Amino acid sequence: MKRLLSIILSLSMIFCFCVSASAETNNDYEVAPCYQYATSVESYLSIDGTTGICESIARGMTGVTKITMVQTIEKHWALGIFFRIDNGSWTTTKYSNTASVTNRKYNLESGTYRMVTDFTFYYGDQTETITVYSTEKTVA
């Protein structure tokens, strides 16, 4: 009997002293990746009929002397697996701290595609490579 009474008393104390807490939300901050030599990198894929339009934009810090961009268009196979398609890769090098490039892949078959861009920033004898994936687009 003493044991039952102590259990009931313990449970009532637990439930009587519950404290709820909440935190104020602050939407002033945005989560963004931190790069060593890049200030921003963007990779876009758009579809116009059966043509894939691949656009990449890179901005580097002052002191970046060269940017290399390797664009690769990939097709979804199954279970989240993508494969590079034939003749769907381009390499561009710009001797500047900003660069942009647009390439097109014609006669895409129906399916879901994405574009991957590997950006390499050159700062003196140091390099930084960043891989960016576009959103997925579908060819009907």
Protein backbone atom coordinates (compact mmCIF):
# COMPACT_ATOMS: atom_id res chain seq x y z
CA MET A 1 0.00 0.00 0.00
CA LYS A 2 2.85 2.39 0.84
CA ARG A 3 4.45 1.60 -2.52
CA LEU A 4 1.24 2.40 -4.47
CA LEU A 5 0.80 5.62 -2.53
CA SER A 6 4.39 6.70 -3.21
CA ILE A 7 3.99 5.97 -6.96
CA ILE A 8 0.79 8.02 -7.14
CA LEU A 9 2.41 10.85 -5.21
CA SER A 10 5.49 10.77 -7.46
CA LEU A 11 3.43 10.86 -10.65
CA SER A 12 1.27 13.71 -9.38
CA MET A 13 4.39 15.71 -8.54
CA ILE A 14 5.82 15.10 -12.02
CA PHE A 15 2.66 16.26 -13.76
CA CYS A 16 2.11 19.24 -11.45
CA PHE A 17 5.55 20.70 -12.07
CA CYS A 18 5.68 20.43 -15.85
CA VAL A 19 7.14 23.52 -17.39
CA SER A 20 6.67 24.42 -21.00
CA ALA A 21 9.20 26.52 -22.80
CA SER A 22 9.31 28.14 -26.19
CA ALA A 23 11.82 30.13 -28.13
CA GLU A 24 11.17 33.22 -30.13
CA THR A 25 11.78 32.66 -33.82
CA ASN A 26 14.03 35.06 -35.62
CA ASN A 27 13.90 34.94 -39.40
CA ASP A 28 16.64 37.52 -39.87
CA TYR A 29 19.28 34.86 -40.47
CA GLU A 30 19.73 32.71 -43.53
CA VAL A 31 21.73 29.51 -43.65
CA ALA A 32 24.34 29.68 -46.39
CA PRO A 33 27.43 27.64 -47.14
CA CYS A 34 30.79 29.16 -46.29
CA TYR A 35 33.39 29.04 -49.03
CA GLN A 36 37.07 29.79 -48.89
CA TYR A 37 37.51 31.66 -52.21
CA ALA A 38 34.02 31.67 -53.76
CA THR A 39 31.35 34.21 -52.90
CA SER A 40 28.53 32.50 -54.83
CA VAL A 41 27.98 29.55 -57.16
CA GLU A 42 24.81 28.74 -59.12
CA SER A 43 23.81 25.87 -61.39
CA TYR A 44 20.57 25.93 -63.40
CA LEU A 45 18.88 23.54 -65.81
CA SER A 46 15.85 24.53 -67.83
CA ILE A 47 14.02 22.56 -70.48
CA ASP A 48 12.64 23.98 -73.72
CA GLY A 49 10.87 21.16 -75.56
CA THR A 50 13.59 18.52 -75.85
CA THR A 51 16.48 20.96 -75.35
CA GLY A 52 18.28 21.22 -72.03
CA ILE A 53 19.69 24.66 -71.28
CA CYS A 54 22.56 24.48 -68.77
CA GLU A 55 23.66 27.69 -67.05
CA SER A 56 26.39 28.13 -64.46
CA ILE A 57 27.39 31.33 -62.67
CA ALA A 58 30.40 31.80 -60.37
CA ARG A 59 31.68 34.72 -58.35
CA GLY A 60 34.96 34.65 -56.46
CA MET A 61 36.73 36.85 -53.98
CA THR A 62 39.08 39.57 -55.11
CA GLY A 63 42.33 37.75 -55.77
CA VAL A 64 40.74 34.82 -57.61
CA THR A 65 42.51 34.72 -60.97
CA LYS A 66 40.84 31.79 -62.71
CA ILE A 67 37.58 29.84 -62.53
CA THR A 68 37.01 26.49 -64.23
CA MET A 69 33.45 25.19 -64.62
CA VAL A 70 32.68 21.61 -65.67
CA GLN A 71 28.99 21.18 -66.53
CA THR A 72 27.53 17.69 -66.79
CA ILE A 73 23.93 16.86 -67.62
CA GLU A 74 22.65 13.65 -66.04
CA LYS A 75 19.54 11.52 -66.53
CA HIS A 76 17.66 9.83 -63.73
CA TRP A 77 17.75 6.06 -63.97
CA ALA A 78 16.06 4.64 -60.83
CA LEU A 79 16.11 4.89 -57.04
CA GLY A 80 17.72 8.34 -57.10
CA ILE A 81 20.59 7.20 -59.32
CA PHE A 82 21.67 9.53 -62.14
CA PHE A 83 23.97 8.76 -65.06
CA ARG A 84 25.89 11.15 -67.31
CA ILE A 85 24.50 11.21 -70.83
CA ASP A 86 26.60 11.01 -74.00
CA ASN A 87 28.03 14.34 -75.19
CA GLY A 88 26.53 16.04 -72.15
CA SER A 89 29.63 17.56 -70.58
CA TRP A 90 31.37 20.89 -71.15
CA THR A 91 34.42 22.54 -69.61
CA THR A 92 34.88 26.31 -69.52
CA THR A 93 37.77 28.32 -68.08
CA LYS A 94 37.63 32.07 -67.39
CA TYR A 95 40.61 34.12 -66.24
CA SER A 96 38.63 36.36 -63.93
CA ASN A 97 37.00 36.28 -60.50
CA THR A 98 33.54 36.07 -62.11
CA ALA A 99 32.35 33.68 -64.78
CA SER A 100 29.17 32.47 -66.43
CA VAL A 101 28.47 29.98 -69.17
CA THR A 102 25.43 28.57 -70.95
CA ASN A 103 25.41 25.34 -72.99
CA ARG A 104 22.61 23.44 -74.69
CA LYS A 105 21.95 19.73 -75.11
CA TYR A 106 19.54 19.03 -77.95
CA ASN A 107 17.19 16.09 -78.59
CA LEU A 108 16.82 14.88 -75.02
CA GLU A 109 14.71 11.76 -74.59
CA SER A 110 11.79 11.77 -72.17
CA GLY A 111 12.83 11.48 -68.56
CA THR A 112 14.10 13.46 -65.59
CA TYR A 113 17.39 15.35 -65.78
CA ARG A 114 19.66 17.44 -63.60
CA MET A 115 22.83 19.39 -64.23
CA VAL A 116 25.94 19.17 -62.09
CA THR A 117 28.57 21.89 -62.12
CA ASP A 118 32.02 21.46 -60.62
CA PHE A 119 33.46 24.92 -59.96
CA THR A 120 37.20 25.30 -59.29
CA PHE A 121 38.48 28.64 -58.01
CA TYR A 122 42.19 29.48 -58.26
CA TYR A 123 43.62 31.85 -55.67
CA GLY A 124 47.40 32.08 -55.97
CA ASP A 125 48.65 28.51 -55.63
CA GLN A 126 45.50 27.46 -53.72
CA THR A 127 42.32 25.98 -55.21
CA GLU A 128 38.80 25.38 -54.01
CA THR A 129 36.39 23.00 -55.79
CA ILE A 130 32.63 23.18 -55.20
CA THR A 131 30.00 20.87 -56.71
CA VAL A 132 26.51 22.27 -57.24
CA TYR A 133 23.41 20.37 -58.42
CA SER A 134 20.55 22.03 -60.26
CA THR A 135 16.93 21.26 -59.56
CA GLU A 136 15.57 18.29 -61.50
CA LYS A 137 13.61 18.95 -64.70
CA THR A 138 11.48 16.58 -66.78
CA VAL A 139 11.22 16.13 -70.54
CA ALA A 140 7.78 14.79 -71.42
